[in-house]
Amino acid sequence: MVSVAVNGAGVQFPSSGKESGFSSPGAGTIVPKGTGNSGDQLPMRYILIFWGLPMGIFWGWYFLSYYDINFGMLFFSRLVHDFAFRFYGDMLGIEPTAIPAMVARACVIDTALIFAIFAFRKRREIAAWWRDRQPGLMTSASPEAGRVPPAE
């Protein structure tokens, strides 16, 4: 039997004996079996990893070297911290003390952009969650379907 998932509904067809190991969720995309609808989430997962990893590495280095917590390594020393920001300040023609604030602002903007893309991709799930959280919210415009008795 071959399993095919179309819009969340599973359908089974007799197979020719060759199991491909793939199921098709529709619209021409092929996703490995067992992943469900998470095949669409792989690119976003990589975006979040490649956004979060450099942020964590940079800010980890920044605060460890700023407070001179170097674990015996020159890379985490305050000497390298001051040299790096003085070097970038000289290259850019600005004060080295202004660079951390500029980098922090760029990280905030970058984070807002990444999470806006993530929220846009998840907008239907977020809207459904929001509707479920609202008490007494009617989903349709008409109160009831059917005939209404005449007014007296």
C-alpha atoms as a PDB file:
ATOM      1  CA  MET A   1       0.000   0.000   0.000  1.00  0.00           C
ATOM      2  CA  VAL A   2       1.164   3.512  -0.806  1.00  0.00           C
ATOM      3  CA  SER A   3       0.157   6.308   1.579  1.00  0.00           C
ATOM      4  CA  VAL A   4      -0.521   9.737   0.150  1.00  0.00           C
ATOM      5  CA  ALA A   5      -1.481  12.699   2.313  1.00  0.00           C
ATOM      6  CA  VAL A   6      -3.561  15.365   0.591  1.00  0.00           C
ATOM      7  CA  ASN A   7      -4.552  18.383   2.686  1.00  0.00           C
ATOM      8  CA  GLY A   8      -4.038  16.417   5.882  1.00  0.00           C
ATOM      9  CA  ALA A   9      -6.210  13.439   4.828  1.00  0.00           C
ATOM     10  CA  GLY A  10      -4.410  10.160   4.351  1.00  0.00           C
ATOM     11  CA  VAL A  11      -5.370   8.012   1.343  1.00  0.00           C
ATOM     12  CA  GLN A  12      -3.980   4.556   0.629  1.00  0.00           C
ATOM     13  CA  PHE A  13      -3.573   3.051  -2.827  1.00  0.00           C
ATOM     14  CA  PRO A  14      -2.488  -0.471  -3.762  1.00  0.00           C
ATOM     15  CA  SER A  15       1.158  -0.452  -4.786  1.00  0.00           C
ATOM     16  CA  SER A  16       3.114  -2.375  -7.358  1.00  0.00           C
ATOM     17  CA  GLY A  17       5.338  -3.801  -4.639  1.00  0.00           C
ATOM     18  CA  LYS A  18       7.917  -1.030  -4.840  1.00  0.00           C
ATOM     19  CA  GLU A  19       7.838   1.257  -1.813  1.00  0.00           C
ATOM     20  CA  SER A  20       9.432   4.573  -2.617  1.00  0.00           C
ATOM     21  CA  GLY A  21       9.689   5.866   0.946  1.00  0.00           C
ATOM     22  CA  PHE A  22       8.101   9.170  -0.046  1.00  0.00           C
ATOM     23  CA  SER A  23       4.635  10.627   0.318  1.00  0.00           C
ATOM     24  CA  SER A  24       3.240  13.556  -1.588  1.00  0.00           C
ATOM     25  CA  PRO A  25       1.334  16.239   0.368  1.00  0.00           C
ATOM     26  CA  GLY A  26       0.020  17.676  -2.893  1.00  0.00           C
ATOM     27  CA  ALA A  27       0.886  20.628  -5.096  1.00  0.00           C
ATOM     28  CA  GLY A  28       3.871  18.851  -6.610  1.00  0.00           C
ATOM     29  CA  THR A  29       6.030  18.652  -3.481  1.00  0.00           C
ATOM     30  CA  ILE A  30       7.567  15.402  -2.322  1.00  0.00           C
ATOM     31  CA  VAL A  31       8.364  14.954   1.357  1.00  0.00           C
ATOM     32  CA  PRO A  32      10.060  11.939   2.998  1.00  0.00           C
ATOM     33  CA  LYS A  33       7.604   9.729   4.894  1.00  0.00           C
ATOM     34  CA  GLY A  34       7.417  10.306   8.613  1.00  0.00           C
ATOM     35  CA  THR A  35       7.982  14.053   8.391  1.00  0.00           C
ATOM     36  CA  GLY A  36       4.302  14.944   8.034  1.00  0.00           C
ATOM     37  CA  ASN A  37       3.836  18.575   7.069  1.00  0.00           C
ATOM     38  CA  SER A  38       7.177  19.563   8.595  1.00  0.00           C
ATOM     39  CA  GLY A  39       8.820  19.453   5.146  1.00  0.00           C
ATOM     40  CA  ASP A  40       7.729  23.050   4.650  1.00  0.00           C
ATOM     41  CA  GLN A  41       9.458  24.015   7.902  1.00  0.00           C
ATOM     42  CA  LEU A  42      12.964  22.858   6.979  1.00  0.00           C
ATOM     43  CA  PRO A  43      14.033  26.097   5.264  1.00  0.00           C
ATOM     44  CA  MET A  44      12.720  28.175   8.187  1.00  0.00           C
ATOM     45  CA  ARG A  45      14.514  25.900  10.645  1.00  0.00           C
ATOM     46  CA  TYR A  46      17.778  26.500   8.816  1.00  0.00           C
ATOM     47  CA  ILE A  47      17.151  30.237   8.712  1.00  0.00           C
ATOM     48  CA  LEU A  48      16.593  30.279  12.465  1.00  0.00           C
ATOM     49  CA  ILE A  49      19.725  28.189  13.071  1.00  0.00           C
ATOM     50  CA  PHE A  50      21.892  30.324  10.796  1.00  0.00           C
ATOM     51  CA  TRP A  51      20.497  33.458  12.469  1.00  0.00           C
ATOM     52  CA  GLY A  52      20.753  32.287  16.078  1.00  0.00           C
ATOM     53  CA  LEU A  53      24.140  30.613  15.935  1.00  0.00           C
ATOM     54  CA  PRO A  54      26.129  33.682  14.819  1.00  0.00           C
ATOM     55  CA  MET A  55      24.183  35.863  17.272  1.00  0.00           C
ATOM     56  CA  GLY A  56      25.016  33.545  20.142  1.00  0.00           C
ATOM     57  CA  ILE A  57      28.664  33.262  19.133  1.00  0.00           C
ATOM     58  CA  PHE A  58      29.122  37.026  18.699  1.00  0.00           C
ATOM     59  CA  TRP A  59      27.314  38.095  21.870  1.00  0.00           C
ATOM     60  CA  GLY A  60      28.965  35.297  23.844  1.00  0.00           C
ATOM     61  CA  TRP A  61      32.382  36.511  22.708  1.00  0.00           C
ATOM     62  CA  TYR A  62      31.431  40.150  23.283  1.00  0.00           C
ATOM     63  CA  PHE A  63      30.331  39.769  26.894  1.00  0.00           C
ATOM     64  CA  LEU A  64      33.056  37.288  27.835  1.00  0.00           C
ATOM     65  CA  SER A  65      35.761  39.534  26.400  1.00  0.00           C
ATOM     66  CA  TYR A  66      34.138  42.745  27.701  1.00  0.00           C
ATOM     67  CA  TYR A  67      34.252  41.430  31.255  1.00  0.00           C
ATOM     68  CA  ASP A  68      37.651  39.767  30.613  1.00  0.00           C
ATOM     69  CA  ILE A  69      36.408  36.252  31.359  1.00  0.00           C
ATOM     70  CA  ASN A  70      39.040  34.652  29.172  1.00  0.00           C
ATOM     71  CA  PHE A  71      39.498  31.087  30.526  1.00  0.00           C
ATOM     72  CA  GLY A  72      43.217  31.512  29.830  1.00  0.00           C
ATOM     73  CA  MET A  73      42.651  32.137  26.113  1.00  0.00           C
ATOM     74  CA  LEU A  74      43.796  35.362  24.488  1.00  0.00           C
ATOM     75  CA  PHE A  75      40.755  35.397  22.188  1.00  0.00           C
ATOM     76  CA  PHE A  76      38.402  36.126  25.106  1.00  0.00           C
ATOM     77  CA  SER A  77      40.644  38.744  26.726  1.00  0.00           C
ATOM     78  CA  ARG A  78      39.823  42.420  27.079  1.00  0.00           C
ATOM     79  CA  LEU A  79      42.982  43.172  25.103  1.00  0.00           C
ATOM     80  CA  VAL A  80      41.587  41.472  21.976  1.00  0.00           C
ATOM     81  CA  HIS A  81      38.161  43.036  22.621  1.00  0.00           C
ATOM     82  CA  ASP A  82      39.614  46.559  22.669  1.00  0.00           C
ATOM     83  CA  PHE A  83      41.849  45.827  19.674  1.00  0.00           C
ATOM     84  CA  ALA A  84      38.942  44.481  17.578  1.00  0.00           C
ATOM     85  CA  PHE A  85      36.678  47.455  18.237  1.00  0.00           C
ATOM     86  CA  ARG A  86      39.525  49.957  17.799  1.00  0.00           C
ATOM     87  CA  PHE A  87      40.405  48.259  14.488  1.00  0.00           C
ATOM     88  CA  TYR A  88      36.793  48.399  13.225  1.00  0.00           C
ATOM     89  CA  GLY A  89      36.423  51.956  14.496  1.00  0.00           C
ATOM     90  CA  ASP A  90      39.506  53.045  12.568  1.00  0.00           C
ATOM     91  CA  MET A  91      38.286  51.278   9.433  1.00  0.00           C
ATOM     92  CA  LEU A  92      34.830  52.872   9.629  1.00  0.00           C
ATOM     93  CA  GLY A  93      36.064  56.237  10.861  1.00  0.00           C
ATOM     94  CA  ILE A  94      33.901  56.224  14.002  1.00  0.00           C
ATOM     95  CA  GLU A  95      34.462  55.951  17.737  1.00  0.00           C
ATOM     96  CA  PRO A  96      35.107  52.351  18.823  1.00  0.00           C
ATOM     97  CA  THR A  97      32.664  52.782  21.728  1.00  0.00           C
ATOM     98  CA  ALA A  98      29.793  53.438  19.262  1.00  0.00           C
ATOM     99  CA  ILE A  99      30.200  50.099  17.462  1.00  0.00           C
ATOM    100  CA  PRO A 100      28.539  47.814  20.078  1.00  0.00           C
ATOM    101  CA  ALA A 101      25.396  49.983  20.091  1.00  0.00           C
ATOM    102  CA  MET A 102      25.302  49.944  16.287  1.00  0.00           C
ATOM    103  CA  VAL A 103      25.695  46.167  16.229  1.00  0.00           C
ATOM    104  CA  ALA A 104      22.957  45.799  18.872  1.00  0.00           C
ATOM    105  CA  ARG A 105      20.572  47.932  16.784  1.00  0.00           C
ATOM    106  CA  ALA A 106      21.375  45.888  13.682  1.00  0.00           C
ATOM    107  CA  CYS A 107      20.724  42.665  15.638  1.00  0.00           C
ATOM    108  CA  VAL A 108      17.359  43.977  16.870  1.00  0.00           C
ATOM    109  CA  ILE A 109      16.317  44.918  13.325  1.00  0.00           C
ATOM    110  CA  ASP A 110      17.557  41.580  11.995  1.00  0.00           C
ATOM    111  CA  THR A 111      15.695  39.710  14.734  1.00  0.00           C
ATOM    112  CA  ALA A 112      12.489  41.647  14.041  1.00  0.00           C
ATOM    113  CA  LEU A 113      12.799  40.851  10.329  1.00  0.00           C
ATOM    114  CA  ILE A 114      13.410  37.128  10.930  1.00  0.00           C
ATOM    115  CA  PHE A 115      10.472  36.843  13.341  1.00  0.00           C
ATOM    116  CA  ALA A 116       8.219  38.824  10.988  1.00  0.00           C
ATOM    117  CA  ILE A 117       8.998  36.302   8.235  1.00  0.00           C
ATOM    118  CA  PHE A 118       8.373  33.462  10.702  1.00  0.00           C
ATOM    119  CA  ALA A 119       5.051  35.003  11.819  1.00  0.00           C
ATOM    120  CA  PHE A 120       4.011  35.519   8.198  1.00  0.00           C
ATOM    121  CA  ARG A 121       4.672  31.854   7.450  1.00  0.00           C
ATOM    122  CA  LYS A 122       2.699  30.804  10.538  1.00  0.00           C
ATOM    123  CA  ARG A 123      -0.086  33.400  10.173  1.00  0.00           C
ATOM    124  CA  ARG A 124      -2.889  30.849   9.822  1.00  0.00           C
ATOM    125  CA  GLU A 125      -1.820  28.935  12.939  1.00  0.00           C
ATOM    126  CA  ILE A 126      -1.406  32.208  14.863  1.00  0.00           C
ATOM    127  CA  ALA A 127      -4.844  33.432  13.735  1.00  0.00           C
ATOM    128  CA  ALA A 128      -6.448  30.118  14.758  1.00  0.00           C
ATOM    129  CA  TRP A 129      -4.698  30.267  18.135  1.00  0.00           C
ATOM    130  CA  TRP A 130      -5.862  33.865  18.608  1.00  0.00           C
ATOM    131  CA  ARG A 131      -9.465  33.003  17.704  1.00  0.00           C
ATOM    132  CA  ASP A 132      -9.421  30.111  20.167  1.00  0.00           C
ATOM    133  CA  ARG A 133      -8.185  32.429  22.934  1.00  0.00           C
ATOM    134  CA  GLN A 134     -10.939  35.027  22.433  1.00  0.00           C
ATOM    135  CA  PRO A 135     -13.998  34.346  24.612  1.00  0.00           C
ATOM    136  CA  GLY A 136     -17.407  34.715  22.998  1.00  0.00           C
ATOM    137  CA  LEU A 137     -16.070  35.552  19.550  1.00  0.00           C
ATOM    138  CA  MET A 138     -18.544  34.565  16.838  1.00  0.00           C
ATOM    139  CA  THR A 139     -17.014  33.172  13.692  1.00  0.00           C
ATOM    140  CA  SER A 140     -19.901  34.004  11.375  1.00  0.00           C
ATOM    141  CA  ALA A 141     -21.679  37.285  10.697  1.00  0.00           C
ATOM    142  CA  SER A 142     -25.234  35.938  11.041  1.00  0.00           C
ATOM    143  CA  PRO A 143     -26.377  34.851  14.508  1.00  0.00           C
ATOM    144  CA  GLU A 144     -28.356  31.832  13.312  1.00  0.00           C
ATOM    145  CA  ALA A 145     -29.398  30.321  10.048  1.00  0.00           C
ATOM    146  CA  GLY A 146     -33.095  29.805   9.475  1.00  0.00           C
ATOM    147  CA  ARG A 147     -36.377  31.678   9.640  1.00  0.00           C
ATOM    148  CA  VAL A 148     -36.927  34.474  12.102  1.00  0.00           C
ATOM    149  CA  PRO A 149     -40.444  34.981  13.561  1.00  0.00           C
ATOM    150  CA  PRO A 150     -42.070  38.284  12.600  1.00  0.00           C
ATOM    151  CA  ALA A 151     -41.965  41.144  15.082  1.00  0.00           C
ATOM    152  CA  GLU A 152     -45.168  42.001  16.912  1.00  0.00           C
END
